[in-house]
Protein backbone atom coordinates (compact mmCIF):
# COMPACT_ATOMS: atom_id res chain seq x y z
CA MET A 1 0.05 -0.16 0.03
CA LYS A 2 1.34 3.42 -1.07
CA ILE A 3 0.43 6.61 1.06
CA LEU A 4 1.66 10.10 0.01
CA GLY A 5 2.70 12.06 2.88
CA VAL A 6 2.42 15.82 2.50
CA SER A 7 3.70 18.49 4.93
CA GLY A 8 1.82 21.90 4.94
CA SER A 9 5.23 23.48 5.94
CA LEU A 10 8.11 24.45 3.66
CA ARG A 11 10.36 25.29 6.72
CA ALA A 12 13.49 23.11 6.64
CA ALA A 13 13.29 22.23 10.21
CA SER A 14 9.50 21.86 10.04
CA PHE A 15 7.69 19.73 13.09
CA ASN A 16 5.27 18.53 10.43
CA THR A 17 7.85 17.20 8.03
CA ALA A 18 9.70 15.49 10.94
CA LEU A 19 6.26 13.97 11.78
CA LEU A 20 6.03 12.64 8.21
CA ARG A 21 9.49 10.87 8.60
CA ALA A 22 8.59 9.35 11.99
CA ALA A 23 5.65 7.91 10.23
CA GLN A 24 7.65 6.37 7.50
CA ALA A 25 9.71 4.66 10.06
CA LEU A 26 6.27 3.67 12.13
CA ALA A 27 4.28 2.58 9.27
CA PRO A 28 3.01 -1.00 9.29
CA GLU A 29 5.12 -3.41 7.17
CA ASP A 30 3.19 -3.28 4.26
CA VAL A 31 2.59 0.21 3.81
CA THR A 32 5.20 2.57 2.19
CA ILE A 33 4.89 6.33 2.97
CA GLU A 34 6.35 8.52 0.01
CA ILE A 35 6.93 12.33 1.37
CA PHE A 36 6.06 14.62 -1.62
CA GLY A 37 7.33 18.44 -0.99
CA LEU A 38 5.43 21.23 -2.16
CA HIS A 39 8.18 23.78 -2.65
CA ASP A 40 7.86 23.93 -6.34
CA LEU A 41 3.91 24.42 -6.85
CA PRO A 42 3.24 27.86 -8.09
CA LEU A 43 0.25 29.81 -6.56
CA PHE A 44 -3.18 28.75 -8.22
CA ASN A 45 -3.86 30.73 -11.18
CA GLN A 46 -6.66 29.51 -13.64
CA ASP A 47 -4.88 31.64 -16.46
CA VAL A 48 -1.92 29.49 -15.77
CA GLU A 49 -4.10 26.27 -15.68
CA ASP A 50 -6.10 27.10 -18.85
CA VAL A 51 -2.63 27.27 -20.97
CA GLY A 52 -1.56 23.79 -19.31
CA ASP A 53 -0.47 22.65 -15.86
CA PRO A 54 3.07 23.33 -15.10
CA PRO A 55 5.42 20.43 -14.52
CA ALA A 56 5.27 20.75 -10.51
CA VAL A 57 1.61 20.64 -10.82
CA THR A 58 1.47 17.66 -13.05
CA ALA A 59 4.03 15.87 -10.73
CA TRP A 60 1.84 16.79 -7.61
CA LYS A 61 -1.36 15.52 -9.37
CA ASP A 62 0.34 12.36 -10.69
CA ALA A 63 1.71 11.61 -7.29
CA ILE A 64 -1.97 11.67 -5.72
CA ARG A 65 -3.39 9.61 -8.35
CA THR A 66 -0.91 7.02 -8.13
CA SER A 67 -1.13 6.72 -4.17
CA ASP A 68 -3.79 4.74 -2.41
CA ALA A 69 -4.29 7.46 0.46
CA LEU A 70 -2.58 10.67 1.49
CA LEU A 71 -1.12 11.41 4.88
CA LEU A 72 -1.51 15.21 5.47
CA ALA A 73 0.84 16.81 8.00
CA CYS A 74 -1.08 20.21 8.73
CA PRO A 75 0.74 22.91 10.67
CA GLU A 76 -1.36 25.89 12.21
CA TYR A 77 -0.79 29.51 11.24
CA ASN A 78 -3.10 32.04 12.74
CA GLY A 79 -5.58 29.42 13.78
CA GLY A 80 -5.88 27.95 10.41
CA ILE A 81 -4.40 25.99 7.50
CA THR A 82 -1.35 27.20 5.88
CA GLY A 83 -1.39 28.76 2.30
CA VAL A 84 0.98 26.21 1.21
CA LEU A 85 -1.39 23.30 1.83
CA LYS A 86 -4.54 25.23 0.91
CA ASN A 87 -2.83 25.94 -2.38
CA ALA A 88 -1.88 22.25 -3.03
CA ILE A 89 -5.45 21.32 -2.44
CA ASP A 90 -6.71 23.92 -4.72
CA TRP A 91 -4.51 22.60 -7.69
CA ALA A 92 -5.55 18.89 -6.74
CA SER A 93 -9.13 19.67 -6.86
CA ARG A 94 -8.94 20.64 -10.46
CA GLY A 95 -9.39 18.48 -13.53
CA LYS A 96 -11.72 15.77 -14.79
CA PRO A 97 -11.62 13.67 -12.66
CA ALA A 98 -9.67 15.86 -10.14
CA PRO A 99 -7.09 13.94 -8.33
CA LEU A 100 -8.56 14.36 -4.88
CA THR A 101 -11.97 13.03 -5.91
CA GLY A 102 -12.48 10.09 -3.58
CA LYS A 103 -8.95 10.10 -2.35
CA ILE A 104 -8.85 9.05 1.35
CA CYS A 105 -6.99 11.17 3.67
CA CYS A 106 -5.43 10.84 7.31
CA LEU A 107 -4.70 14.06 9.19
CA VAL A 108 -1.86 14.61 11.64
CA GLY A 109 -0.37 17.84 12.93
CA ALA A 110 2.42 19.38 15.26
CA SER A 111 2.55 22.82 16.85
CA PRO A 112 4.63 24.42 19.70
CA GLY A 113 1.11 25.57 20.93
CA ALA A 114 -0.60 23.48 23.73
CA THR A 115 -3.71 22.47 21.42
CA GLY A 116 -1.52 21.28 18.77
CA THR A 117 -3.27 21.80 15.09
CA VAL A 118 -6.90 21.37 16.08
CA ARG A 119 -8.36 24.42 14.33
CA ALA A 120 -6.19 23.99 11.23
CA GLN A 121 -7.27 20.17 10.88
CA ASP A 122 -11.00 21.41 11.18
CA ALA A 123 -10.33 23.80 8.22
CA LEU A 124 -8.33 21.25 6.30
CA ARG A 125 -11.20 18.75 6.71
CA LEU A 126 -13.78 21.38 5.16
CA SER A 127 -11.22 22.11 2.15
CA LEU A 128 -10.84 18.52 1.52
CA ARG A 129 -14.52 17.59 1.76
CA ARG A 130 -15.26 20.52 -0.80
CA ALA A 131 -12.46 19.00 -3.05
CA GLY A 132 -14.08 15.65 -3.03
CA ALA A 133 -11.62 13.86 -0.64
CA GLU A 134 -12.60 12.03 2.40
CA ALA A 135 -10.68 12.76 5.78
CA VAL A 136 -11.12 9.69 7.78
CA PRO A 137 -12.39 10.25 11.43
CA LEU A 138 -9.89 7.99 13.18
CA GLY A 139 -9.56 10.64 15.98
CA GLU A 140 -6.47 13.10 15.46
CA ILE A 141 -2.88 13.17 15.81
CA LEU A 142 -2.45 16.56 17.61
CA VAL A 143 1.07 17.05 18.87
CA GLY A 144 1.12 19.96 20.95
CA GLN A 145 4.44 21.41 22.39
CA ALA A 146 5.98 19.96 19.60
CA HIS A 147 9.40 21.51 20.42
CA THR A 148 9.48 19.04 23.43
CA ARG A 149 8.60 16.03 21.34
CA ILE A 150 10.45 16.69 18.12
CA VAL A 151 14.16 17.45 18.80
CA ASP A 152 16.75 18.05 16.11
CA GLY A 153 14.08 16.82 13.60
CA VAL A 154 13.30 13.65 15.36
CA LEU A 155 10.13 12.62 16.96
CA SER A 156 11.81 11.46 20.41
CA ASP A 157 8.83 11.27 22.48
CA GLU A 158 7.85 7.68 22.94
CA THR A 159 4.34 8.06 23.86
CA THR A 160 3.58 10.22 20.78
CA ARG A 161 5.63 7.50 18.63
CA THR A 162 3.24 4.85 20.03
CA TYR A 163 0.16 6.88 19.39
CA LEU A 164 1.53 7.76 15.84
CA ALA A 165 2.10 3.87 15.08
CA ARG A 166 -1.31 3.10 16.40
CA HIS A 167 -3.08 5.80 14.33
CA LEU A 168 -1.08 4.49 11.09
CA ALA A 169 -2.14 0.87 11.74
CA SER A 170 -5.73 1.96 11.92
CA PHE A 171 -5.58 4.03 8.91
CA ALA A 172 -4.04 1.04 6.98
CA ALA A 173 -6.67 -1.19 8.22
CA ARG A 174 -9.41 1.15 7.23
CA LEU A 175 -7.99 1.33 3.65
CA LYS A 176 -7.83 -2.46 3.39
CA SER A 177 -11.52 -2.83 4.37
């Protein structure tokens, strides 16, 4: 089973990208998580789309189409979803059929704040639903106080690692059913 991991942060030392790397290591044996970077995606512009998707957009859409599901690591900026992640969803919501149509998604998120990324994940669910994707309600991975759990780019908190591994196993079982 192939899951596409996407971080809504472009920051080199991103807690959310670190969470995806931990997910790669903690995924069930029959699950591969490939991380796709959003650094090269241009801002959505229908004038650009009308001429033809740029190569970075084509790569993004192809990566979604060839995956069984998405694992979205969602930071929280000002109580909401990042522009980077929203832009990626906007591009992937376009086309016939749109790559996100019917795609199953699992949400995780890490933030230095006490409540993790709960508000951003709520906003992300809405955007995904509008784009035709399904965010599976397995509960949430809300890594609050991320700076104490992710040190030097590594998820070092054992309780969080255990919870993330269980969450990924439940997600994989849901995909198989």
